[in-house]
Amino acid sequence: MGHLYGFGLVVSVVLVQMLVFPSATMAKYYNVVTYDNCKHMDNPAATLSNVKVAGKPNAIELSATLDVTREIEPPVHMQLSVKRCNLQKEGCETYEHISMEDICSKIESNPILHKYMDVFNPPLSCPLKKGRYVAEKSELKLHMLEMFPIENAFWQMEFRFMNKHNQTMQCDFVEIAVTDKE
């Protein structure tokens, strides 16, 4: 998903929680501890750098640079592995494995997810053209997540984005502490 590559960070907070986690009734604080490209990737089509994420109640503030070295044509598929740990980063266990086919079509048909693609300048799109995309202190409101039960825990996620030949185009690793307060 052209959207998907810078979108990995946005997805880690929005899409994953919409798909995986149970529903909460109180505000949550999202502390993104780690966001990085996977260490085992050789020659990715897209890489994130200068990533800065600040957690806020029901929101995050994102700054990042996405460099795309090869045009990325749909369909793009996503594989997501999620582990849940206690807040001390101990007792980690596999929580969920999710595979999604043709992620571009899912985002393009969902106006809520689609608006998050505009945090980058220029906005992300399918196909994703070669070039540099920048997000600067973009605030992403997460009030919609209050309907999902996201328990206080330390979450580890690995996103893999693959082309139609199942070759990994980008891989991101994210760690997020979710708590009821800062």
Protein backbone atom coordinates (compact mmCIF):
# COMPACT_ATOMS: atom_id res chain seq x y z
CA MET A 1 0.00 0.00 0.00
CA GLY A 2 1.61 3.11 -1.06
CA HIS A 3 0.00 4.49 1.99
CA LEU A 4 1.34 1.70 4.03
CA TYR A 5 4.99 2.42 4.27
CA GLY A 6 4.88 5.62 6.31
CA PHE A 7 1.60 4.25 7.31
CA GLY A 8 3.30 1.50 9.31
CA LEU A 9 3.70 3.91 12.17
CA VAL A 10 0.15 5.16 11.87
CA VAL A 11 -1.12 1.62 11.47
CA SER A 12 0.71 0.53 14.58
CA VAL A 13 -1.44 2.83 16.63
CA VAL A 14 -4.68 2.92 14.64
CA LEU A 15 -5.27 -0.17 12.51
CA VAL A 16 -3.74 -2.71 14.88
CA GLN A 17 -5.79 -1.52 17.79
CA MET A 18 -8.94 -1.48 15.68
CA LEU A 19 -8.35 -5.06 14.55
CA VAL A 20 -6.78 -6.71 17.55
CA PHE A 21 -7.46 -5.17 20.91
CA PRO A 22 -10.58 -5.25 23.11
CA SER A 23 -12.63 -2.05 24.05
CA ALA A 24 -11.85 0.54 26.69
CA THR A 25 -14.04 3.07 28.37
CA MET A 26 -11.37 5.49 29.59
CA ALA A 27 -8.70 7.55 27.87
CA LYS A 28 -5.39 5.86 27.17
CA TYR A 29 -1.88 7.22 26.94
CA TYR A 30 0.27 5.81 24.11
CA ASN A 31 4.01 5.92 24.70
CA VAL A 32 5.77 4.75 21.54
CA VAL A 33 9.06 3.53 23.01
CA THR A 34 10.61 2.19 19.80
CA TYR A 35 9.85 2.69 16.15
CA ASP A 36 12.48 1.49 13.75
CA ASN A 37 13.11 -0.38 10.53
CA CYS A 38 13.64 -4.11 11.13
CA LYS A 39 17.32 -4.93 11.51
CA HIS A 40 17.17 -7.97 9.19
CA MET A 41 16.00 -6.06 6.07
CA ASP A 42 18.35 -5.80 3.09
CA ASN A 43 17.57 -3.30 0.34
CA PRO A 44 14.06 -2.23 1.41
CA ALA A 45 11.91 -0.27 -1.04
CA ALA A 46 11.04 2.25 1.68
CA THR A 47 12.70 3.26 4.94
CA LEU A 48 11.68 5.54 7.76
CA SER A 49 14.16 7.80 9.52
CA ASN A 50 14.16 10.73 11.93
CA VAL A 51 11.16 9.15 13.65
CA LYS A 52 9.94 11.06 16.69
CA VAL A 53 6.70 10.11 18.39
CA ALA A 54 5.34 11.84 21.46
CA GLY A 55 2.48 10.22 23.33
CA LYS A 56 -0.42 12.30 24.57
CA PRO A 57 -3.77 11.40 26.08
CA ASN A 58 -5.78 9.91 23.19
CA ALA A 59 -3.24 11.10 20.61
CA ILE A 60 0.30 10.88 19.34
CA GLU A 61 2.46 13.51 17.67
CA LEU A 62 4.49 12.16 14.75
CA SER A 63 7.54 13.45 12.93
CA ALA A 64 9.25 11.17 10.41
CA THR A 65 10.90 11.00 7.01
CA LEU A 66 9.96 8.24 4.57
CA ASP A 67 12.39 7.62 1.70
CA VAL A 68 11.04 5.47 -1.13
CA THR A 69 13.78 4.15 -3.43
CA ARG A 70 11.53 2.12 -5.80
CA GLU A 71 7.96 2.73 -6.87
CA ILE A 72 5.66 0.41 -4.96
CA GLU A 73 2.74 -0.91 -6.99
CA PRO A 74 -0.36 -2.49 -5.49
CA PRO A 75 -1.34 -5.02 -4.45
CA VAL A 76 0.61 -4.71 -1.20
CA HIS A 77 0.03 -7.26 1.54
CA MET A 78 0.67 -6.84 5.25
CA GLN A 79 1.70 -9.36 7.87
CA LEU A 80 1.54 -8.24 11.48
CA SER A 81 2.88 -10.06 14.53
CA VAL A 82 1.84 -8.75 17.94
CA LYS A 83 3.28 -9.68 21.34
CA ARG A 84 1.88 -8.50 24.67
CA CYS A 85 4.14 -8.04 27.69
CA ASN A 86 3.57 -6.62 31.14
CA LEU A 87 4.58 -2.98 31.62
CA GLN A 88 8.02 -4.09 32.85
CA LYS A 89 8.61 -5.70 29.40
CA GLU A 90 8.54 -9.18 30.95
CA GLY A 91 6.33 -12.19 30.40
CA CYS A 92 5.93 -11.51 26.69
CA GLU A 93 3.60 -13.79 24.77
CA THR A 94 2.36 -13.98 21.22
CA TYR A 95 -0.94 -12.15 21.10
CA GLU A 96 -1.96 -12.15 17.45
CA HIS A 97 -0.80 -12.78 13.87
CA ILE A 98 -2.71 -10.91 11.18
CA SER A 99 -2.39 -11.09 7.40
CA MET A 100 -4.18 -8.62 5.16
CA GLU A 101 -4.33 -8.85 1.39
CA ASP A 102 -4.38 -5.76 -0.84
CA ILE A 103 -4.13 -3.22 1.96
CA CYS A 104 -4.43 -0.28 -0.49
CA SER A 105 -8.03 -1.11 -1.32
CA LYS A 106 -8.91 -1.35 2.37
CA ILE A 107 -7.48 2.07 3.12
CA GLU A 108 -8.92 3.74 0.06
CA SER A 109 -12.40 2.48 0.98
CA ASN A 110 -12.15 3.60 4.62
CA PRO A 111 -12.31 7.41 5.05
CA ILE A 112 -11.17 7.23 8.68
CA LEU A 113 -7.97 5.37 7.79
CA HIS A 114 -7.49 7.33 4.58
CA LYS A 115 -7.26 10.69 6.39
CA TYR A 116 -4.22 9.49 8.32
CA MET A 117 -2.27 9.24 5.04
CA ASP A 118 -2.35 13.03 4.72
CA VAL A 119 0.01 13.51 7.69
CA PHE A 120 2.90 13.15 5.23
CA ASN A 121 3.85 15.82 2.71
CA PRO A 122 3.23 14.99 -0.04
CA PRO A 123 0.36 12.73 1.08
CA LEU A 124 0.90 8.98 0.72
CA SER A 125 -0.97 7.23 -2.09
CA CYS A 126 -1.13 4.03 -4.16
CA PRO A 127 1.05 3.43 -6.04
CA LEU A 128 3.73 4.97 -3.86
CA LYS A 129 6.14 6.90 -6.08
CA LYS A 130 9.89 7.20 -5.51
CA GLY A 131 10.79 10.18 -3.39
CA ARG A 132 10.83 11.67 0.10
CA TYR A 133 7.74 12.07 2.28
CA VAL A 134 7.87 14.09 5.50
CA ALA A 135 5.60 14.33 8.53
CA GLU A 136 6.35 17.21 10.90
CA LYS A 137 4.76 17.25 14.34
CA SER A 138 1.51 15.87 12.96
CA GLU A 139 -0.99 15.14 15.70
CA LEU A 140 -3.05 12.00 15.27
CA LYS A 141 -6.17 12.00 17.47
CA LEU A 142 -7.04 8.57 18.77
CA HIS A 143 -10.42 9.17 20.44
CA MET A 144 -11.96 6.49 18.22
CA LEU A 145 -9.87 3.88 20.02
CA GLU A 146 -11.73 4.44 23.29
CA MET A 147 -14.40 2.03 22.08
CA PHE A 148 -11.86 -0.80 21.99
CA PRO A 149 -10.56 -2.53 25.13
CA ILE A 150 -6.84 -1.83 25.08
CA GLU A 151 -5.46 -3.06 28.33
CA ASN A 152 -2.49 -1.52 30.10
CA ALA A 153 0.46 -3.44 28.68
CA PHE A 154 3.65 -3.19 26.68
CA TRP A 155 2.99 -4.17 23.06
CA GLN A 156 5.61 -5.26 20.49
CA MET A 157 4.64 -5.31 16.82
CA GLU A 158 6.41 -6.21 13.61
CA PHE A 159 4.85 -5.07 10.33
CA ARG A 160 5.93 -6.62 7.04
CA PHE A 161 4.71 -5.16 3.77
CA MET A 162 5.06 -7.48 0.79
CA ASN A 163 4.57 -7.14 -2.94
CA LYS A 164 2.53 -9.50 -5.11
CA HIS A 165 5.54 -11.88 -5.23
CA ASN A 166 5.64 -12.07 -1.39
CA GLN A 167 8.93 -10.19 -1.28
CA THR A 168 9.23 -7.97 1.79
CA MET A 169 9.32 -4.33 0.68
CA GLN A 170 9.48 -2.80 4.16
CA CYS A 171 9.57 -4.07 7.71
CA ASP A 172 8.97 -1.98 10.83
CA PHE A 173 9.32 -2.84 14.52
CA VAL A 174 7.25 -0.93 17.06
CA GLU A 175 7.03 -1.02 20.86
CA ILE A 176 4.18 0.83 22.57
CA ALA A 177 3.39 1.12 26.27
CA VAL A 178 -0.34 1.66 26.78
CA THR A 179 -1.39 3.07 30.16
CA ASP A 180 -4.28 4.95 31.71
CA LYS A 181 -2.03 7.97 32.39
CA GLU A 182 1.42 9.36 31.57
